[in-house]
Each structure stands twice: as structure tokens, then as C-alpha cells.
C-alpha atoms as a PDB file:
ATOM      1  CA  MET A   1      29.689  28.139 -50.946  1.00  0.00           C
ATOM      2  CA  SER A   2      31.135  31.757 -50.032  1.00  0.00           C
ATOM      3  CA  PRO A   3      33.021  32.251 -47.608  1.00  0.00           C
ATOM      4  CA  CYS A   4      30.643  34.499 -45.816  1.00  0.00           C
ATOM      5  CA  SER A   5      28.004  32.151 -45.724  1.00  0.00           C
ATOM      6  CA  SER A   6      30.581  29.503 -44.386  1.00  0.00           C
ATOM      7  CA  HIS A   7      30.933  31.589 -41.630  1.00  0.00           C
ATOM      8  CA  ALA A   8      26.894  32.154 -40.745  1.00  0.00           C
ATOM      9  CA  LEU A   9      26.620  28.409 -40.858  1.00  0.00           C
ATOM     10  CA  ALA A  10      29.589  27.230 -38.888  1.00  0.00           C
ATOM     11  CA  SER A  11      28.794  30.550 -36.351  1.00  0.00           C
ATOM     12  CA  THR A  12      25.544  28.164 -35.742  1.00  0.00           C
ATOM     13  CA  LEU A  13      27.452  25.218 -34.432  1.00  0.00           C
ATOM     14  CA  PRO A  14      28.642  24.693 -30.922  1.00  0.00           C
ATOM     15  CA  ALA A  15      32.300  25.104 -30.112  1.00  0.00           C
ATOM     16  CA  GLY A  16      34.464  22.551 -31.011  1.00  0.00           C
ATOM     17  CA  THR A  17      32.331  20.825 -33.718  1.00  0.00           C
ATOM     18  CA  ILE A  18      34.568  22.076 -36.694  1.00  0.00           C
ATOM     19  CA  GLN A  19      38.025  20.343 -37.153  1.00  0.00           C
ATOM     20  CA  LEU A  20      39.877  21.925 -39.444  1.00  0.00           C
ATOM     21  CA  GLU A  21      43.111  20.686 -41.551  1.00  0.00           C
ATOM     22  CA  SER A  22      42.224  17.398 -40.301  1.00  0.00           C
ATOM     23  CA  THR A  23      42.021  14.615 -42.702  1.00  0.00           C
ATOM     24  CA  VAL A  24      40.433  11.490 -41.972  1.00  0.00           C
ATOM     25  CA  THR A  25      42.369   8.515 -42.275  1.00  0.00           C
ATOM     26  CA  SER A  26      40.387   5.598 -40.519  1.00  0.00           C
ATOM     27  CA  ILE A  27      36.816   4.642 -40.038  1.00  0.00           C
ATOM     28  CA  LYS A  28      36.397   1.862 -37.867  1.00  0.00           C
ATOM     29  CA  GLN A  29      32.821  -0.241 -36.389  1.00  0.00           C
ATOM     30  CA  THR A  30      32.786  -1.714 -32.724  1.00  0.00           C
ATOM     31  CA  GLU A  31      29.540  -3.098 -31.602  1.00  0.00           C
ATOM     32  CA  ASP A  32      27.825  -0.101 -30.915  1.00  0.00           C
ATOM     33  CA  GLU A  33      29.996   3.237 -32.304  1.00  0.00           C
ATOM     34  CA  VAL A  34      31.948   3.779 -35.285  1.00  0.00           C
ATOM     35  CA  THR A  35      35.348   5.875 -34.489  1.00  0.00           C
ATOM     36  CA  ILE A  36      37.056   8.122 -36.762  1.00  0.00           C
ATOM     37  CA  GLU A  37      41.102   9.131 -36.099  1.00  0.00           C
ATOM     38  CA  LEU A  38      42.503  11.644 -37.963  1.00  0.00           C
ATOM     39  CA  GLU A  39      46.110  11.856 -39.499  1.00  0.00           C
ATOM     40  CA  THR A  40      47.290  13.696 -36.423  1.00  0.00           C
ATOM     41  CA  GLY A  41      46.138  10.685 -33.993  1.00  0.00           C
ATOM     42  CA  TRP A  42      42.894  12.517 -32.668  1.00  0.00           C
ATOM     43  CA  SER A  43      39.686   9.893 -32.668  1.00  0.00           C
ATOM     44  CA  GLN A  44      36.110   9.905 -31.877  1.00  0.00           C
ATOM     45  CA  ALA A  45      33.514   7.755 -31.293  1.00  0.00           C
ATOM     46  CA  PHE A  46      29.817   8.446 -33.267  1.00  0.00           C
ATOM     47  CA  THR A  47      26.791   6.355 -33.827  1.00  0.00           C
ATOM     48  CA  HIS A  48      26.837   7.820 -37.337  1.00  0.00           C
ATOM     49  CA  VAL A  49      29.244   9.162 -39.350  1.00  0.00           C
ATOM     50  CA  ILE A  50      28.171  10.789 -43.012  1.00  0.00           C
ATOM     51  CA  MET A  51      30.864  11.281 -45.774  1.00  0.00           C
ATOM     52  CA  ALA A  52      30.400  14.667 -47.908  1.00  0.00           C
ATOM     53  CA  ILE A  53      33.558  14.295 -49.957  1.00  0.00           C
ATOM     54  CA  PRO A  54      33.818  13.294 -53.489  1.00  0.00           C
ATOM     55  CA  PRO A  55      33.355   9.058 -53.446  1.00  0.00           C
ATOM     56  CA  ARG A  56      37.131   8.851 -55.207  1.00  0.00           C
ATOM     57  CA  LEU A  57      38.386  10.091 -52.075  1.00  0.00           C
ATOM     58  CA  VAL A  58      36.849   7.350 -50.025  1.00  0.00           C
ATOM     59  CA  SER A  59      39.404   5.064 -50.904  1.00  0.00           C
ATOM     60  CA  ARG A  60      42.128   6.770 -49.492  1.00  0.00           C
ATOM     61  CA  ILE A  61      40.424   5.845 -45.641  1.00  0.00           C
ATOM     62  CA  SER A  62      40.966   2.676 -44.137  1.00  0.00           C
ATOM     63  CA  PHE A  63      38.005   1.066 -43.191  1.00  0.00           C
ATOM     64  CA  HIS A  64      37.292  -2.037 -41.184  1.00  0.00           C
ATOM     65  CA  PRO A  65      35.336  -3.640 -41.940  1.00  0.00           C
ATOM     66  CA  GLU A  66      36.710  -3.112 -45.638  1.00  0.00           C
ATOM     67  CA  LEU A  67      34.620  -2.307 -47.836  1.00  0.00           C
ATOM     68  CA  SER A  68      33.792  -4.450 -50.490  1.00  0.00           C
ATOM     69  CA  GLU A  69      35.513  -4.566 -54.197  1.00  0.00           C
ATOM     70  CA  THR A  70      32.050  -3.932 -55.670  1.00  0.00           C
ATOM     71  CA  THR A  71      31.751  -0.527 -53.370  1.00  0.00           C
ATOM     72  CA  LYS A  72      35.064   0.744 -54.578  1.00  0.00           C
ATOM     73  CA  SER A  73      34.258   0.184 -58.297  1.00  0.00           C
ATOM     74  CA  LYS A  74      31.215   2.145 -57.732  1.00  0.00           C
ATOM     75  CA  LEU A  75      32.936   5.075 -55.685  1.00  0.00           C
ATOM     76  CA  ALA A  76      36.383   4.811 -57.709  1.00  0.00           C
ATOM     77  CA  ASP A  77      33.952   4.991 -61.018  1.00  0.00           C
ATOM     78  CA  THR A  78      32.052   8.042 -59.760  1.00  0.00           C
ATOM     79  CA  PRO A  79      34.304  11.370 -61.183  1.00  0.00           C
ATOM     80  CA  PRO A  80      33.854  14.526 -59.225  1.00  0.00           C
ATOM     81  CA  TRP A  81      32.681  17.238 -61.679  1.00  0.00           C
ATOM     82  CA  MET A  82      35.160  20.044 -61.161  1.00  0.00           C
ATOM     83  CA  ALA A  83      38.069  18.363 -59.658  1.00  0.00           C
ATOM     84  CA  GLY A  84      40.226  18.652 -63.253  1.00  0.00           C
ATOM     85  CA  GLN A  85      38.997  22.141 -63.294  1.00  0.00           C
ATOM     86  CA  ALA A  86      40.991  25.628 -62.187  1.00  0.00           C
ATOM     87  CA  LYS A  87      39.502  28.954 -61.417  1.00  0.00           C
ATOM     88  CA  VAL A  88      40.841  32.298 -61.677  1.00  0.00           C
ATOM     89  CA  LEU A  89      39.554  35.761 -59.983  1.00  0.00           C
ATOM     90  CA  ALA A  90      40.945  39.050 -61.409  1.00  0.00           C
ATOM     91  CA  VAL A  91      40.028  41.870 -58.549  1.00  0.00           C
ATOM     92  CA  TYR A  92      39.686  45.152 -59.969  1.00  0.00           C
ATOM     93  CA  ASP A  93      38.533  48.690 -58.085  1.00  0.00           C
ATOM     94  CA  ARG A  94      34.742  48.687 -59.741  1.00  0.00           C
ATOM     95  CA  PRO A  95      33.295  47.271 -62.278  1.00  0.00           C
ATOM     96  CA  PHE A  96      34.157  49.298 -65.129  1.00  0.00           C
ATOM     97  CA  TRP A  97      32.903  46.925 -68.275  1.00  0.00           C
ATOM     98  CA  ARG A  98      29.361  48.079 -66.869  1.00  0.00           C
ATOM     99  CA  ASP A  99      30.180  51.572 -68.231  1.00  0.00           C
ATOM    100  CA  SER A 100      29.545  50.341 -71.571  1.00  0.00           C
ATOM    101  CA  GLY A 101      26.817  47.868 -70.912  1.00  0.00           C
ATOM    102  CA  GLN A 102      28.936  44.837 -70.559  1.00  0.00           C
ATOM    103  CA  SER A 103      27.190  42.064 -68.333  1.00  0.00           C
ATOM    104  CA  GLY A 104      30.854  40.698 -67.497  1.00  0.00           C
ATOM    105  CA  GLN A 105      29.793  37.218 -68.377  1.00  0.00           C
ATOM    106  CA  GLY A 106      31.320  35.259 -71.624  1.00  0.00           C
ATOM    107  CA  MET A 107      31.945  32.484 -73.221  1.00  0.00           C
ATOM    108  CA  SER A 108      35.344  31.613 -75.289  1.00  0.00           C
ATOM    109  CA  TRP A 109      36.792  29.262 -77.325  1.00  0.00           C
ATOM    110  CA  ALA A 110      40.072  31.792 -78.272  1.00  0.00           C
ATOM    111  CA  GLY A 111      42.297  32.049 -74.734  1.00  0.00           C
ATOM    112  CA  VAL A 112      42.877  30.536 -71.749  1.00  0.00           C
ATOM    113  CA  LEU A 113      39.642  30.865 -69.719  1.00  0.00           C
ATOM    114  CA  GLN A 114      36.489  29.274 -71.620  1.00  0.00           C
ATOM    115  CA  GLU A 115      33.571  30.565 -69.636  1.00  0.00           C
ATOM    116  CA  ILE A 116      33.678  34.069 -67.640  1.00  0.00           C
ATOM    117  CA  HIS A 117      31.339  35.879 -64.878  1.00  0.00           C
ATOM    118  CA  ASP A 118      31.165  38.913 -62.806  1.00  0.00           C
ATOM    119  CA  ALA A 119      32.126  38.086 -59.130  1.00  0.00           C
ATOM    120  CA  SER A 120      31.320  41.581 -57.900  1.00  0.00           C
ATOM    121  CA  GLN A 121      30.118  42.222 -55.007  1.00  0.00           C
ATOM    122  CA  PRO A 122      27.845  44.551 -53.801  1.00  0.00           C
ATOM    123  CA  GLY A 123      29.149  47.696 -52.376  1.00  0.00           C
ATOM    124  CA  GLY A 124      32.574  46.205 -52.617  1.00  0.00           C
ATOM    125  CA  LEU A 125      35.570  45.655 -54.638  1.00  0.00           C
ATOM    126  CA  ALA A 126      34.767  44.153 -58.606  1.00  0.00           C
ATOM    127  CA  ALA A 127      36.188  40.825 -59.661  1.00  0.00           C
ATOM    128  CA  LEU A 128      35.796  38.833 -63.040  1.00  0.00           C
ATOM    129  CA  PHE A 129      36.281  35.206 -62.481  1.00  0.00           C
ATOM    130  CA  GLY A 130      36.911  32.248 -64.775  1.00  0.00           C
ATOM    131  CA  PHE A 131      37.135  28.518 -65.311  1.00  0.00           C
ATOM    132  CA  PHE A 132      39.750  27.495 -67.580  1.00  0.00           C
ATOM    133  CA  ARG A 133      39.672  25.577 -71.150  1.00  0.00           C
ATOM    134  CA  LEU A 134      42.898  24.456 -70.393  1.00  0.00           C
ATOM    135  CA  SER A 135      43.125  20.687 -69.250  1.00  0.00           C
ATOM    136  CA  ALA A 136      45.239  20.371 -65.708  1.00  0.00           C
ATOM    137  CA  ALA A 137      48.005  18.981 -68.295  1.00  0.00           C
ATOM    138  CA  GLU A 138      47.997  21.797 -70.612  1.00  0.00           C
ATOM    139  CA  ARG A 139      48.169  24.462 -67.547  1.00  0.00           C
ATOM    140  CA  LEU A 140      51.214  23.225 -66.069  1.00  0.00           C
ATOM    141  CA  VAL A 141      52.829  23.859 -69.084  1.00  0.00           C
ATOM    142  CA  PHE A 142      52.928  27.429 -67.740  1.00  0.00           C
ATOM    143  CA  ASP A 143      54.152  29.044 -64.895  1.00  0.00           C
ATOM    144  CA  GLN A 144      52.109  30.878 -62.833  1.00  0.00           C
ATOM    145  CA  ASP A 145      52.965  34.124 -63.875  1.00  0.00           C
ATOM    146  CA  GLU A 146      52.327  33.383 -67.818  1.00  0.00           C
ATOM    147  CA  LEU A 147      49.074  32.032 -66.909  1.00  0.00           C
ATOM    148  CA  ASN A 148      47.813  34.731 -64.962  1.00  0.00           C
ATOM    149  CA  ARG A 149      49.569  37.080 -67.961  1.00  0.00           C
ATOM    150  CA  ARG A 150      47.378  34.954 -70.393  1.00  0.00           C
ATOM    151  CA  VAL A 151      44.339  35.321 -68.458  1.00  0.00           C
ATOM    152  CA  VAL A 152      44.928  39.324 -68.347  1.00  0.00           C
ATOM    153  CA  ASP A 153      45.207  39.593 -71.753  1.00  0.00           C
ATOM    154  CA  GLN A 154      42.306  37.507 -72.261  1.00  0.00           C
ATOM    155  CA  LEU A 155      40.091  40.055 -69.990  1.00  0.00           C
ATOM    156  CA  VAL A 156      41.551  43.041 -72.271  1.00  0.00           C
ATOM    157  CA  ARG A 157      40.731  41.536 -75.607  1.00  0.00           C
ATOM    158  CA  LEU A 158      36.568  41.207 -73.789  1.00  0.00           C
ATOM    159  CA  PHE A 159      36.492  43.798 -71.863  1.00  0.00           C
ATOM    160  CA  GLY A 160      39.188  46.516 -72.846  1.00  0.00           C
ATOM    161  CA  GLU A 161      42.169  48.117 -71.872  1.00  0.00           C
ATOM    162  CA  GLU A 162      41.122  48.721 -67.991  1.00  0.00           C
ATOM    163  CA  ALA A 163      41.396  44.828 -67.376  1.00  0.00           C
ATOM    164  CA  ARG A 164      45.220  45.630 -67.841  1.00  0.00           C
ATOM    165  CA  GLN A 165      46.062  46.467 -64.139  1.00  0.00           C
ATOM    166  CA  PRO A 166      43.906  43.882 -61.356  1.00  0.00           C
ATOM    167  CA  ARG A 167      44.684  44.674 -58.435  1.00  0.00           C
ATOM    168  CA  GLU A 168      45.189  41.055 -57.549  1.00  0.00           C
ATOM    169  CA  VAL A 169      44.970  37.448 -59.709  1.00  0.00           C
ATOM    170  CA  ILE A 170      43.614  35.024 -57.432  1.00  0.00           C
ATOM    171  CA  TYR A 171      44.276  31.418 -58.711  1.00  0.00           C
ATOM    172  CA  VAL A 172      42.973  28.025 -57.448  1.00  0.00           C
ATOM    173  CA  ASP A 173      43.660  24.391 -59.315  1.00  0.00           C
ATOM    174  CA  TRP A 174      41.579  22.235 -57.524  1.00  0.00           C
ATOM    175  CA  SER A 175      43.300  19.018 -59.469  1.00  0.00           C
ATOM    176  CA  SER A 176      46.577  19.805 -57.567  1.00  0.00           C
ATOM    177  CA  ASP A 177      44.477  19.798 -53.976  1.00  0.00           C
ATOM    178  CA  ARG A 178      44.883  16.206 -52.726  1.00  0.00           C
ATOM    179  CA  HIS A 179      41.071  16.881 -50.522  1.00  0.00           C
ATOM    180  CA  THR A 180      39.493  17.275 -53.947  1.00  0.00           C
ATOM    181  CA  ALA A 181      41.127  15.514 -56.880  1.00  0.00           C
ATOM    182  CA  THR A 182      42.996  11.876 -57.684  1.00  0.00           C
ATOM    183  CA  VAL A 183      45.509  10.928 -60.010  1.00  0.00           C
ATOM    184  CA  GLN A 184      42.271   9.554 -62.475  1.00  0.00           C
ATOM    185  CA  ASP A 185      40.788  13.258 -62.540  1.00  0.00           C
ATOM    186  CA  GLY A 186      43.753  15.213 -64.241  1.00  0.00           C
ATOM    187  CA  VAL A 187      41.749  13.581 -67.605  1.00  0.00           C
ATOM    188  CA  PRO A 188      39.149  15.641 -68.915  1.00  0.00           C
ATOM    189  CA  LEU A 189      35.511  14.281 -68.990  1.00  0.00           C
ATOM    190  CA  THR A 190      33.987  14.442 -72.224  1.00  0.00           C
ATOM    191  CA  ASP A 191      30.104  14.174 -71.054  1.00  0.00           C
ATOM    192  CA  PHE A 192      28.413  14.908 -67.966  1.00  0.00           C
ATOM    193  CA  PRO A 193      28.760  11.849 -65.395  1.00  0.00           C
ATOM    194  CA  VAL A 194      25.192  10.107 -64.427  1.00  0.00           C
ATOM    195  CA  TYR A 195      25.189  10.662 -60.552  1.00  0.00           C
ATOM    196  CA  GLU A 196      23.349   8.934 -58.149  1.00  0.00           C
ATOM    197  CA  PRO A 197      23.056   7.681 -54.089  1.00  0.00           C
ATOM    198  CA  ILE A 198      25.800   4.918 -54.001  1.00  0.00           C
ATOM    199  CA  ALA A 199      24.877   2.517 -51.470  1.00  0.00           C
ATOM    200  CA  LEU A 200      27.444   1.070 -49.077  1.00  0.00           C
ATOM    201  CA  ASP A 201      27.874  -2.753 -47.855  1.00  0.00           C
ATOM    202  CA  THR A 202      25.129  -4.143 -45.624  1.00  0.00           C
ATOM    203  CA  ALA A 203      27.567  -3.935 -42.640  1.00  0.00           C
ATOM    204  CA  TRP A 204      27.806  -0.499 -43.036  1.00  0.00           C
ATOM    205  CA  GLU A 205      24.122   0.319 -42.852  1.00  0.00           C
ATOM    206  CA  GLY A 206      22.974   2.450 -40.341  1.00  0.00           C
ATOM    207  CA  ARG A 207      26.525   3.292 -39.268  1.00  0.00           C
ATOM    208  CA  LEU A 208      27.730   5.362 -42.365  1.00  0.00           C
ATOM    209  CA  SER A 209      26.313   7.118 -45.411  1.00  0.00           C
ATOM    210  CA  LEU A 210      27.640   9.098 -48.572  1.00  0.00           C
ATOM    211  CA  ALA A 211      26.416  12.682 -49.076  1.00  0.00           C
ATOM    212  CA  GLY A 212      28.055  15.596 -51.237  1.00  0.00           C
ATOM    213  CA  THR A 213      27.011  16.447 -54.949  1.00  0.00           C
ATOM    214  CA  GLU A 214      28.014  12.924 -56.617  1.00  0.00           C
ATOM    215  CA  THR A 215      25.567  11.212 -55.015  1.00  0.00           C
ATOM    216  CA  ASP A 216      22.492  13.411 -56.196  1.00  0.00           C
ATOM    217  CA  SER A 217      20.730  12.097 -59.156  1.00  0.00           C
ATOM    218  CA  LEU A 218      19.151  15.193 -60.256  1.00  0.00           C
ATOM    219  CA  PHE A 219      22.051  18.275 -59.572  1.00  0.00           C
ATOM    220  CA  GLY A 220      25.003  16.405 -59.260  1.00  0.00           C
ATOM    221  CA  GLY A 221      27.929  18.217 -59.212  1.00  0.00           C
ATOM    222  CA  HIS A 222      26.412  21.596 -58.263  1.00  0.00           C
ATOM    223  CA  ILE A 223      25.418  22.987 -55.224  1.00  0.00           C
ATOM    224  CA  GLU A 224      21.785  22.200 -55.626  1.00  0.00           C
ATOM    225  CA  GLY A 225      22.965  18.626 -55.632  1.00  0.00           C
ATOM    226  CA  ALA A 226      25.224  19.138 -52.322  1.00  0.00           C
ATOM    227  CA  LEU A 227      22.059  20.682 -50.911  1.00  0.00           C
ATOM    228  CA  ARG A 228      20.200  18.005 -52.015  1.00  0.00           C
ATOM    229  CA  ALA A 229      22.290  15.000 -50.692  1.00  0.00           C
ATOM    230  CA  ALA A 230      23.151  16.638 -47.400  1.00  0.00           C
ATOM    231  CA  GLU A 231      18.782  16.602 -47.043  1.00  0.00           C
ATOM    232  CA  ARG A 232      18.427  13.103 -48.504  1.00  0.00           C
ATOM    233  CA  VAL A 233      20.979  11.739 -45.772  1.00  0.00           C
ATOM    234  CA  VAL A 234      19.942  13.737 -42.952  1.00  0.00           C
ATOM    235  CA  GLU A 235      15.673  12.422 -43.792  1.00  0.00           C
ATOM    236  CA  GLN A 236      16.957   8.631 -43.808  1.00  0.00           C
ATOM    237  CA  LEU A 237      18.568   9.186 -40.477  1.00  0.00           C
END
């Protein structure tokens, strides 16, 4: 989801609803409520809690009553599709590749990037973004400057010398984000996971739900899966 879309959705919510930079450490069930506690010490009670984080990250939260070993295994065995990936964005003044009839899209096994797309803004700055062919461990071999240089060299080979001088190169490695990936996610996936809704223990029925793209049986791992998972949980409630 783009920042503009996120901001548009956020503007429809009551002030104070969104807590940024807030990591949940504990979820406790009482007779009538479910209380969540943040690492800052802040806590609040709700009638129902919906978690849309990758299932593997659920294990970092303390639950009372504790989740069963069966449920913990289901969560641990559900890998986030993009957790081990990294994304790079090369920003330019204009989409020069279109001058020669190029789409800005490409697939490659000859450089650091495997999948490349035109991410230009209508009426704004131009950009090419790519997903890496290199695994998380392979990316760590290079420092940031060298990785960026290899990205630009590949874009030059594909789209010409005008790709040599981007205004900016923006790099995001999800495998190093503690709110996205675990140590397990450093191992590249060799096949697309089979995703499906994850049932929680009986003790948490009606109090806690798992949403998020990794719980959708049709489009797990994609934005469509996230939307479908949200709709599914809301309809159940």
C-alpha cells in the first residue's frame, strides 16, 4: 500500500486511534476483556483483538492464557512470503526509458535484481524499483554503497546510460526488520507457501483473531490476501 493510501485511510479514524512505533509485548484475557500491553508500558482493554502481523511474529508476544504448542507450531510453520526480501528504488527526474519505447519492466538472472518495474508517479518523479535476486545472506556480503553501485550498473545495462545518475537510491531490507521477519526467514523460500486461515485455541475464540495476508487461502502473500483476510475477520465478528 502506498503512503498516500495509508494516510487517506488514517484520516478517517478518530484522533489517537493509531499508535505508531508501538510494539505489543503482552495480550491478556480476563473475564470480560482482552488487555494489550506495549513495550512502553502503555496498556488498554478491548472486547476483541485482531492481529494482522506475520504469524511467526505472534510468538514474540506473551499470551495469558498461553497458546497451545499445536497453535505455536502452526504459526511458526507459516512463513511471510516477502520477509526475506529487499527492495530498491532508483529515483530519476523523468522516465527516460519511455523515450525509446521501453516499459521499465524486466526480469533478470544476470545482476543483483531479479524483478524490475516502473514505479514513476503520474506528473511527479520517475523511478525504477526492483526486488533482489540475492538472498538475505548474500546481500550482507556487500556494504550499502557497493550494493547500490551494482543496482545502478544493472539498470544501465538494461535501460542505458541515463540510468547512471539517479537522484537517490532508496534501499529497504525486510529481512532485518524485526516487525517483519524472524531468523527463520533468512532462508530463501523454494516454493510458494500454502496459506490458509489459522484457527486459535478454544480459550481465545471470540476474543482474538488472526488476519493478515498469510491467513488468506487464495491470495496469501499479496495485498489482495491482506484485504480478503481483513474482510473475512470483520464478517466473522
